[in-house]
Amino acid sequence: MKLSEGKDNFPDSFCPQEPSLFYGIFRKNATTLEKFHLQISRIELYPKDSSYVDELLRQMATQPITHVGKFSELSFSFLFILRSLYHTIRKLF
């Protein structure tokens, strides 16, 4: 396993397929967005076989938007999500 040159020294291939393996006890009532976020890794946004992507897109298409704000970052609030912020990829890494 090749180690990355980042500060955390995780292997380049690190991608937790089971969130509870790395993030401790996984809540049974976690939202689809929380489960999706736990699958994000250094090398991919989500695994190819992720079931959470389709479910998240379905929920975003069918749930009403309760609030939209205009800031330096685009922010949406849905009923089924506490709050989600969409940053540019640069801010994530």
PDB file of N, CA and C in Angstrom:
ATOM      1  N   MET A   1       0.829  -1.177   0.000  1.00  0.00           N
ATOM      2  CA  MET A   1       0.000   0.000   0.000  1.00  0.00           C
ATOM      3  C   MET A   1       0.878   1.248   0.000  1.00  0.00           C
ATOM      4  N   LYS A   2       0.654   2.102  -0.960  1.00  0.00           N
ATOM      5  CA  LYS A   2       1.418   3.334  -1.061  1.00  0.00           C
ATOM      6  C   LYS A   2       0.761   4.413  -0.197  1.00  0.00           C
ATOM      7  N   LEU A   3       1.537   5.064   0.627  1.00  0.00           N
ATOM      8  CA  LEU A   3       1.007   6.140   1.459  1.00  0.00           C
ATOM      9  C   LEU A   3       1.034   7.446   0.689  1.00  0.00           C
ATOM     10  N   SER A   4       0.019   8.252   0.886  1.00  0.00           N
ATOM     11  CA  SER A   4      -0.015   9.554   0.232  1.00  0.00           C
ATOM     12  C   SER A   4       0.955  10.496   0.933  1.00  0.00           C
ATOM     13  N   GLU A   5       1.207  11.607   0.281  1.00  0.00           N
ATOM     14  CA  GLU A   5       2.127  12.574   0.860  1.00  0.00           C
ATOM     15  C   GLU A   5       1.386  13.633   1.672  1.00  0.00           C
ATOM     16  N   GLY A   6       0.123  13.404   1.946  1.00  0.00           N
ATOM     17  CA  GLY A   6      -0.657  14.348   2.744  1.00  0.00           C
ATOM     18  C   GLY A   6      -0.276  14.294   4.207  1.00  0.00           C
ATOM     19  N   LYS A   7      -0.868  15.178   4.975  1.00  0.00           N
ATOM     20  CA  LYS A   7      -0.554  15.272   6.400  1.00  0.00           C
ATOM     21  C   LYS A   7      -1.044  14.070   7.194  1.00  0.00           C
ATOM     22  N   ASP A   8      -2.147  13.455   6.757  1.00  0.00           N
ATOM     23  CA  ASP A   8      -2.746  12.395   7.555  1.00  0.00           C
ATOM     24  C   ASP A   8      -2.172  11.008   7.275  1.00  0.00           C
ATOM     25  N   ASN A   9      -1.425  10.848   6.210  1.00  0.00           N
ATOM     26  CA  ASN A   9      -0.788   9.586   5.843  1.00  0.00           C
ATOM     27  C   ASN A   9      -1.761   8.425   5.687  1.00  0.00           C
ATOM     28  N   PHE A  10      -2.974   8.688   5.189  1.00  0.00           N
ATOM     29  CA  PHE A  10      -3.881   7.608   4.839  1.00  0.00           C
ATOM     30  C   PHE A  10      -3.405   6.999   3.532  1.00  0.00           C
ATOM     31  N   PRO A  11      -3.622   5.711   3.313  1.00  0.00           N
ATOM     32  CA  PRO A  11      -3.291   5.122   2.014  1.00  0.00           C
ATOM     33  C   PRO A  11      -4.123   5.788   0.919  1.00  0.00           C
ATOM     34  N   ASP A  12      -3.563   5.874  -0.299  1.00  0.00           N
ATOM     35  CA  ASP A  12      -4.289   6.494  -1.406  1.00  0.00           C
ATOM     36  C   ASP A  12      -5.597   5.776  -1.695  1.00  0.00           C
ATOM     37  N   SER A  13      -5.634   4.489  -1.443  1.00  0.00           N
ATOM     38  CA  SER A  13      -6.826   3.709  -1.759  1.00  0.00           C
ATOM     39  C   SER A  13      -7.837   3.685  -0.623  1.00  0.00           C
ATOM     40  N   PHE A  14      -7.619   4.475   0.417  1.00  0.00           N
ATOM     41  CA  PHE A  14      -8.522   4.454   1.569  1.00  0.00           C
ATOM     42  C   PHE A  14      -9.906   4.941   1.167  1.00  0.00           C
ATOM     43  N   CYS A  15     -10.878   4.105   1.319  1.00  0.00           N
ATOM     44  CA  CYS A  15     -12.262   4.464   1.047  1.00  0.00           C
ATOM     45  C   CYS A  15     -13.139   3.558   1.886  1.00  0.00           C
ATOM     46  N   PRO A  16     -13.663   4.038   2.995  1.00  0.00           N
ATOM     47  CA  PRO A  16     -14.453   3.160   3.853  1.00  0.00           C
ATOM     48  C   PRO A  16     -15.762   2.763   3.186  1.00  0.00           C
ATOM     49  N   GLN A  17     -15.903   1.501   2.814  1.00  0.00           N
ATOM     50  CA  GLN A  17     -17.144   1.029   2.217  1.00  0.00           C
ATOM     51  C   GLN A  17     -18.210   0.841   3.286  1.00  0.00           C
ATOM     52  N   GLU A  18     -17.799   0.569   4.496  1.00  0.00           N
ATOM     53  CA  GLU A  18     -18.717   0.447   5.628  1.00  0.00           C
ATOM     54  C   GLU A  18     -18.377   1.574   6.594  1.00  0.00           C
ATOM     55  N   PRO A  19     -19.230   2.600   6.696  1.00  0.00           N
ATOM     56  CA  PRO A  19     -18.896   3.767   7.525  1.00  0.00           C
ATOM     57  C   PRO A  19     -18.529   3.433   8.958  1.00  0.00           C
ATOM     58  N   SER A  20     -19.110   2.387   9.526  1.00  0.00           N
ATOM     59  CA  SER A  20     -18.833   2.074  10.926  1.00  0.00           C
ATOM     60  C   SER A  20     -17.401   1.599  11.144  1.00  0.00           C
ATOM     61  N   LEU A  21     -16.708   1.181  10.082  1.00  0.00           N
ATOM     62  CA  LEU A  21     -15.331   0.714  10.235  1.00  0.00           C
ATOM     63  C   LEU A  21     -14.397   1.838  10.657  1.00  0.00           C
ATOM     64  N   PHE A  22     -14.639   3.041  10.166  1.00  0.00           N
ATOM     65  CA  PHE A  22     -13.723   4.142  10.435  1.00  0.00           C
ATOM     66  C   PHE A  22     -14.332   5.202  11.343  1.00  0.00           C
ATOM     67  N   TYR A  23     -15.598   5.438  11.251  1.00  0.00           N
ATOM     68  CA  TYR A  23     -16.223   6.548  11.959  1.00  0.00           C
ATOM     69  C   TYR A  23     -16.927   6.138  13.254  1.00  0.00           C
ATOM     70  N   GLY A  24     -16.619   4.978  13.766  1.00  0.00           N
ATOM     71  CA  GLY A  24     -17.239   4.554  15.015  1.00  0.00           C
ATOM     72  C   GLY A  24     -18.620   3.985  14.778  1.00  0.00           C
ATOM     73  N   ILE A  25     -19.451   4.071  15.761  1.00  0.00           N
ATOM     74  CA  ILE A  25     -20.794   3.506  15.661  1.00  0.00           C
ATOM     75  C   ILE A  25     -21.632   4.351  14.711  1.00  0.00           C
ATOM     76  N   PHE A  26     -22.219   3.704  13.722  1.00  0.00           N
ATOM     77  CA  PHE A  26     -23.032   4.379  12.719  1.00  0.00           C
ATOM     78  C   PHE A  26     -24.474   4.410  13.206  1.00  0.00           C
ATOM     79  N   ARG A  27     -25.068   5.583  13.261  1.00  0.00           N
ATOM     80  CA  ARG A  27     -26.432   5.722  13.763  1.00  0.00           C
ATOM     81  C   ARG A  27     -27.433   5.021  12.849  1.00  0.00           C
ATOM     82  N   LYS A  28     -28.412   4.367  13.443  1.00  0.00           N
ATOM     83  CA  LYS A  28     -29.443   3.691  12.658  1.00  0.00           C
ATOM     84  C   LYS A  28     -30.361   4.691  11.970  1.00  0.00           C
ATOM     85  N   ASN A  29     -30.545   5.860  12.551  1.00  0.00           N
ATOM     86  CA  ASN A  29     -31.448   6.850  11.973  1.00  0.00           C
ATOM     87  C   ASN A  29     -30.704   7.924  11.174  1.00  0.00           C
ATOM     88  N   ALA A  30     -29.519   7.626  10.684  1.00  0.00           N
ATOM     89  CA  ALA A  30     -28.755   8.594   9.891  1.00  0.00           C
ATOM     90  C   ALA A  30     -29.476   8.862   8.573  1.00  0.00           C
ATOM     91  N   THR A  31     -29.401  10.098   8.108  1.00  0.00           N
ATOM     92  CA  THR A  31     -30.032  10.455   6.841  1.00  0.00           C
ATOM     93  C   THR A  31     -29.203   9.937   5.679  1.00  0.00           C
ATOM     94  N   THR A  32     -29.820   9.931   4.510  1.00  0.00           N
ATOM     95  CA  THR A  32     -29.121   9.497   3.305  1.00  0.00           C
ATOM     96  C   THR A  32     -27.938  10.411   3.019  1.00  0.00           C
ATOM     97  N   LEU A  33     -28.089  11.698   3.281  1.00  0.00           N
ATOM     98  CA  LEU A  33     -26.985  12.636   3.059  1.00  0.00           C
ATOM     99  C   LEU A  33     -25.806  12.324   3.975  1.00  0.00           C
ATOM    100  N   GLU A  34     -26.079  12.003   5.225  1.00  0.00           N
ATOM    101  CA  GLU A  34     -25.001  11.656   6.157  1.00  0.00           C
ATOM    102  C   GLU A  34     -24.287  10.383   5.708  1.00  0.00           C
ATOM    103  N   LYS A  35     -25.042   9.399   5.250  1.00  0.00           N
ATOM    104  CA  LYS A  35     -24.438   8.153   4.767  1.00  0.00           C
ATOM    105  C   LYS A  35     -23.595   8.416   3.518  1.00  0.00           C
ATOM    106  N   PHE A  36     -24.101   9.293   2.625  1.00  0.00           N
ATOM    107  CA  PHE A  36     -23.350   9.649   1.422  1.00  0.00           C
ATOM    108  C   PHE A  36     -22.041  10.341   1.789  1.00  0.00           C
ATOM    109  N   HIS A  37     -22.089  11.264   2.732  1.00  0.00           N
ATOM    110  CA  HIS A  37     -20.886  11.996   3.146  1.00  0.00           C
ATOM    111  C   HIS A  37     -19.835  11.069   3.746  1.00  0.00           C
ATOM    112  N   LEU A  38     -20.263  10.035   4.438  1.00  0.00           N
ATOM    113  CA  LEU A  38     -19.306   9.101   5.025  1.00  0.00           C
ATOM    114  C   LEU A  38     -18.594   8.264   3.974  1.00  0.00           C
ATOM    115  N   GLN A  39     -19.135   8.201   2.758  1.00  0.00           N
ATOM    116  CA  GLN A  39     -18.483   7.441   1.696  1.00  0.00           C
ATOM    117  C   GLN A  39     -17.467   8.267   0.919  1.00  0.00           C
ATOM    118  N   ILE A  40     -17.431   9.568   1.124  1.00  0.00           N
ATOM    119  CA  ILE A  40     -16.488  10.418   0.402  1.00  0.00           C
ATOM    120  C   ILE A  40     -15.075  10.093   0.858  1.00  0.00           C
ATOM    121  N   SER A  41     -14.195   9.926  -0.106  1.00  0.00           N
ATOM    122  CA  SER A  41     -12.805   9.613   0.218  1.00  0.00           C
ATOM    123  C   SER A  41     -11.883  10.562  -0.536  1.00  0.00           C
ATOM    124  N   ARG A  42     -10.613  10.368  -0.347  1.00  0.00           N
ATOM    125  CA  ARG A  42      -9.613  11.205  -0.990  1.00  0.00           C
ATOM    126  C   ARG A  42      -9.566  10.978  -2.501  1.00  0.00           C
ATOM    127  N   ILE A  43      -9.890   9.772  -2.956  1.00  0.00           N
ATOM    128  CA  ILE A  43      -9.722   9.459  -4.375  1.00  0.00           C
ATOM    129  C   ILE A  43     -11.018   9.421  -5.168  1.00  0.00           C
ATOM    130  N   GLU A  44     -12.182   9.391  -4.490  1.00  0.00           N
ATOM    131  CA  GLU A  44     -13.437   9.372  -5.222  1.00  0.00           C
ATOM    132  C   GLU A  44     -14.541  10.013  -4.382  1.00  0.00           C
ATOM    133  N   LEU A  45     -15.493  10.623  -5.082  1.00  0.00           N
ATOM    134  CA  LEU A  45     -16.601  11.259  -4.378  1.00  0.00           C
ATOM    135  C   LEU A  45     -17.538  10.217  -3.784  1.00  0.00           C
ATOM    136  N   TYR A  46     -17.757   9.141  -4.511  1.00  0.00           N
ATOM    137  CA  TYR A  46     -18.567   8.032  -4.005  1.00  0.00           C
ATOM    138  C   TYR A  46     -18.188   6.771  -4.779  1.00  0.00           C
ATOM    139  N   PRO A  47     -18.365   5.600  -4.171  1.00  0.00           N
ATOM    140  CA  PRO A  47     -18.065   4.348  -4.870  1.00  0.00           C
ATOM    141  C   PRO A  47     -19.040   4.124  -6.028  1.00  0.00           C
ATOM    142  N   LYS A  48     -18.595   3.415  -7.055  1.00  0.00           N
ATOM    143  CA  LYS A  48     -19.445   3.164  -8.219  1.00  0.00           C
ATOM    144  C   LYS A  48     -20.708   2.394  -7.859  1.00  0.00           C
ATOM    145  N   ASP A  49     -20.618   1.527  -6.866  1.00  0.00           N
ATOM    146  CA  ASP A  49     -21.768   0.703  -6.497  1.00  0.00           C
ATOM    147  C   ASP A  49     -22.582   1.297  -5.343  1.00  0.00           C
ATOM    148  N   SER A  50     -22.431   2.583  -5.089  1.00  0.00           N
ATOM    149  CA  SER A  50     -23.130   3.227  -3.972  1.00  0.00           C
ATOM    150  C   SER A  50     -24.633   3.308  -4.243  1.00  0.00           C
ATOM    151  N   SER A  51     -25.419   2.844  -3.295  1.00  0.00           N
ATOM    152  CA  SER A  51     -26.876   2.936  -3.426  1.00  0.00           C
ATOM    153  C   SER A  51     -27.397   4.276  -2.913  1.00  0.00           C
ATOM    154  N   TYR A  52     -26.563   5.016  -2.217  1.00  0.00           N
ATOM    155  CA  TYR A  52     -27.003   6.273  -1.615  1.00  0.00           C
ATOM    156  C   TYR A  52     -27.145   7.399  -2.631  1.00  0.00           C
ATOM    157  N   VAL A  53     -26.444   7.331  -3.750  1.00  0.00           N
ATOM    158  CA  VAL A  53     -26.509   8.405  -4.745  1.00  0.00           C
ATOM    159  C   VAL A  53     -27.908   8.485  -5.348  1.00  0.00           C
ATOM    160  N   ASP A  54     -28.430   7.357  -5.820  1.00  0.00           N
ATOM    161  CA  ASP A  54     -29.769   7.353  -6.415  1.00  0.00           C
ATOM    162  C   ASP A  54     -30.831   7.763  -5.399  1.00  0.00           C
ATOM    163  N   GLU A  55     -30.705   7.269  -4.183  1.00  0.00           N
ATOM    164  CA  GLU A  55     -31.671   7.615  -3.138  1.00  0.00           C
ATOM    165  C   GLU A  55     -31.593   9.103  -2.797  1.00  0.00           C
ATOM    166  N   LEU A  56     -30.390   9.654  -2.720  1.00  0.00           N
ATOM    167  CA  LEU A  56     -30.218  11.074  -2.416  1.00  0.00           C
ATOM    168  C   LEU A  56     -30.797  11.949  -3.529  1.00  0.00           C
ATOM    169  N   LEU A  57     -30.547  11.586  -4.786  1.00  0.00           N
ATOM    170  CA  LEU A  57     -31.107  12.347  -5.907  1.00  0.00           C
ATOM    171  C   LEU A  57     -32.632  12.272  -5.925  1.00  0.00           C
ATOM    172  N   ARG A  58     -33.189  11.093  -5.615  1.00  0.00           N
ATOM    173  CA  ARG A  58     -34.640  10.942  -5.564  1.00  0.00           C
ATOM    174  C   ARG A  58     -35.234  11.829  -4.464  1.00  0.00           C
ATOM    175  N   GLN A  59     -34.603  11.833  -3.302  1.00  0.00           N
ATOM    176  CA  GLN A  59     -35.097  12.660  -2.203  1.00  0.00           C
ATOM    177  C   GLN A  59     -34.992  14.144  -2.528  1.00  0.00           C
ATOM    178  N   MET A  60     -33.901  14.549  -3.158  1.00  0.00           N
ATOM    179  CA  MET A  60     -33.733  15.966  -3.500  1.00  0.00           C
ATOM    180  C   MET A  60     -34.737  16.407  -4.559  1.00  0.00           C
ATOM    181  N   ALA A  61     -35.141  15.485  -5.446  1.00  0.00           N
ATOM    182  CA  ALA A  61     -36.102  15.822  -6.491  1.00  0.00           C
ATOM    183  C   ALA A  61     -37.536  15.872  -5.971  1.00  0.00           C
ATOM    184  N   THR A  62     -37.833  15.122  -4.916  1.00  0.00           N
ATOM    185  CA  THR A  62     -39.216  15.027  -4.453  1.00  0.00           C
ATOM    186  C   THR A  62     -39.515  15.846  -3.200  1.00  0.00           C
ATOM    187  N   GLN A  63     -38.520  16.160  -2.393  1.00  0.00           N
ATOM    188  CA  GLN A  63     -38.761  16.910  -1.158  1.00  0.00           C
ATOM    189  C   GLN A  63     -38.858  18.405  -1.461  1.00  0.00           C
ATOM    190  N   PRO A  64     -39.746  19.110  -0.788  1.00  0.00           N
ATOM    191  CA  PRO A  64     -39.836  20.555  -1.006  1.00  0.00           C
ATOM    192  C   PRO A  64     -38.635  21.278  -0.393  1.00  0.00           C
ATOM    193  N   ILE A  65     -38.194  22.327  -1.067  1.00  0.00           N
ATOM    194  CA  ILE A  65     -37.122  23.167  -0.540  1.00  0.00           C
ATOM    195  C   ILE A  65     -37.760  24.148   0.431  1.00  0.00           C
ATOM    196  N   THR A  66     -37.267  24.185   1.649  1.00  0.00           N
ATOM    197  CA  THR A  66     -37.877  25.037   2.670  1.00  0.00           C
ATOM    198  C   THR A  66     -37.226  26.404   2.775  1.00  0.00           C
ATOM    199  N   HIS A  67     -35.982  26.525   2.341  1.00  0.00           N
ATOM    200  CA  HIS A  67     -35.291  27.803   2.454  1.00  0.00           C
ATOM    201  C   HIS A  67     -34.119  27.826   1.480  1.00  0.00           C
ATOM    202  N   VAL A  68     -33.925  28.958   0.817  1.00  0.00           N
ATOM    203  CA  VAL A  68     -32.770  29.167  -0.053  1.00  0.00           C
ATOM    204  C   VAL A  68     -32.154  30.490   0.354  1.00  0.00           C
ATOM    205  N   GLY A  69     -30.849  30.495   0.586  1.00  0.00           N
ATOM    206  CA  GLY A  69     -30.158  31.718   0.953  1.00  0.00           C
ATOM    207  C   GLY A  69     -29.039  32.016  -0.023  1.00  0.00           C
ATOM    208  N   LYS A  70     -28.723  33.285  -0.170  1.00  0.00           N
ATOM    209  CA  LYS A  70     -27.641  33.670  -1.064  1.00  0.00           C
ATOM    210  C   LYS A  70     -26.505  34.228  -0.226  1.00  0.00           C
ATOM    211  N   PHE A  71     -25.412  33.492  -0.188  1.00  0.00           N
ATOM    212  CA  PHE A  71     -24.209  33.901   0.525  1.00  0.00           C
ATOM    213  C   PHE A  71     -23.043  33.694  -0.419  1.00  0.00           C
ATOM    214  N   SER A  72     -21.843  33.684   0.114  1.00  0.00           N
ATOM    215  CA  SER A  72     -20.683  33.388  -0.718  1.00  0.00           C
ATOM    216  C   SER A  72     -20.672  31.915  -1.119  1.00  0.00           C
ATOM    217  N   GLU A  73     -21.486  31.094  -0.446  1.00  0.00           N
ATOM    218  CA  GLU A  73     -21.640  29.681  -0.773  1.00  0.00           C
ATOM    219  C   GLU A  73     -23.119  29.432  -1.012  1.00  0.00           C
ATOM    220  N   LEU A  74     -23.435  28.540  -1.911  1.00  0.00           N
ATOM    221  CA  LEU A  74     -24.819  28.196  -2.178  1.00  0.00           C
ATOM    222  C   LEU A  74     -25.315  27.271  -1.076  1.00  0.00           C
ATOM    223  N   SER A  75     -26.436  27.603  -0.477  1.00  0.00           N
ATOM    224  CA  SER A  75     -26.946  26.844   0.669  1.00  0.00           C
ATOM    225  C   SER A  75     -28.402  26.468   0.435  1.00  0.00           C
ATOM    226  N   PHE A  76     -28.727  25.190   0.626  1.00  0.00           N
ATOM    227  CA  PHE A  76     -30.097  24.700   0.515  1.00  0.00           C
ATOM    228  C   PHE A  76     -30.501  24.070   1.832  1.00  0.00           C
ATOM    229  N   SER A  77     -31.753  24.168   2.176  1.00  0.00           N
ATOM    230  CA  SER A  77     -32.286  23.459   3.341  1.00  0.00           C
ATOM    231  C   SER A  77     -33.483  22.637   2.892  1.00  0.00           C
ATOM    232  N   PHE A  78     -33.473  21.354   3.181  1.00  0.00           N
ATOM    233  CA  PHE A  78     -34.578  20.464   2.874  1.00  0.00           C
ATOM    234  C   PHE A  78     -35.203  20.010   4.184  1.00  0.00           C
ATOM    235  N   LEU A  79     -36.408  19.498   4.109  1.00  0.00           N
ATOM    236  CA  LEU A  79     -37.068  18.991   5.307  1.00  0.00           C
ATOM    237  C   LEU A  79     -36.361  17.756   5.856  1.00  0.00           C
ATOM    238  N   PHE A  80     -35.847  16.883   4.963  1.00  0.00           N
ATOM    239  CA  PHE A  80     -35.253  15.634   5.416  1.00  0.00           C
ATOM    240  C   PHE A  80     -33.773  15.779   5.767  1.00  0.00           C
ATOM    241  N   ILE A  81     -33.200  16.947   5.578  1.00  0.00           N
ATOM    242  CA  ILE A  81     -31.787  17.181   5.869  1.00  0.00           C
ATOM    243  C   ILE A  81     -31.711  18.370   6.824  1.00  0.00           C
ATOM    244  N   LEU A  82     -30.848  18.297   7.802  1.00  0.00           N
ATOM    245  CA  LEU A  82     -30.695  19.446   8.695  1.00  0.00           C
ATOM    246  C   LEU A  82     -30.248  20.656   7.903  1.00  0.00           C
ATOM    247  N   ARG A  83     -29.134  20.543   7.228  1.00  0.00           N
ATOM    248  CA  ARG A  83     -28.635  21.619   6.380  1.00  0.00           C
ATOM    249  C   ARG A  83     -27.475  21.066   5.574  1.00  0.00           C
ATOM    250  N   SER A  84     -27.394  21.439   4.327  1.00  0.00           N
ATOM    251  CA  SER A  84     -26.279  20.978   3.517  1.00  0.00           C
ATOM    252  C   SER A  84     -25.640  22.172   2.826  1.00  0.00           C
ATOM    253  N   LEU A  85     -24.347  22.216   2.887  1.00  0.00           N
ATOM    254  CA  LEU A  85     -23.600  23.287   2.238  1.00  0.00           C
ATOM    255  C   LEU A  85     -22.818  22.705   1.081  1.00  0.00           C
ATOM    256  N   TYR A  86     -22.847  23.380  -0.022  1.00  0.00           N
ATOM    257  CA  TYR A  86     -22.122  22.925  -1.193  1.00  0.00           C
ATOM    258  C   TYR A  86     -20.934  23.860  -1.419  1.00  0.00           C
ATOM    259  N   HIS A  87     -19.762  23.333  -1.230  1.00  0.00           N
ATOM    260  CA  HIS A  87     -18.535  24.099  -1.395  1.00  0.00           C
ATOM    261  C   HIS A  87     -17.872  23.703  -2.708  1.00  0.00           C
ATOM    262  N   THR A  88     -16.963  24.498  -3.149  1.00  0.00           N
ATOM    263  CA  THR A  88     -16.178  24.097  -4.302  1.00  0.00           C
ATOM    264  C   THR A  88     -15.227  22.986  -3.890  1.00  0.00           C
ATOM    265  N   ILE A  89     -14.752  22.234  -4.857  1.00  0.00           N
ATOM    266  CA  ILE A  89     -13.857  21.115  -4.564  1.00  0.00           C
ATOM    267  C   ILE A  89     -12.586  21.613  -3.885  1.00  0.00           C
ATOM    268  N   ARG A  90     -12.136  22.797  -4.225  1.00  0.00           N
ATOM    269  CA  ARG A  90     -10.925  23.333  -3.588  1.00  0.00           C
ATOM    270  C   ARG A  90     -11.080  23.459  -2.077  1.00  0.00           C
ATOM    271  N   LYS A  91     -12.239  23.883  -1.624  1.00  0.00           N
ATOM    272  CA  LYS A  91     -12.443  24.060  -0.190  1.00  0.00           C
ATOM    273  C   LYS A  91     -12.479  22.727   0.545  1.00  0.00           C
ATOM    274  N   LEU A  92     -12.876  21.657  -0.146  1.00  0.00           N
ATOM    275  CA  LEU A  92     -12.928  20.344   0.493  1.00  0.00           C
ATOM    276  C   LEU A  92     -11.546  19.757   0.706  1.00  0.00           C
ATOM    277  N   PHE A  93     -10.627  20.036  -0.191  1.00  0.00           N
ATOM    278  CA  PHE A  93      -9.292  19.459  -0.083  1.00  0.00           C
ATOM    279  C   PHE A  93      -8.339  20.554   0.223  1.00  0.00           C
TER     280      PHE A  93
END
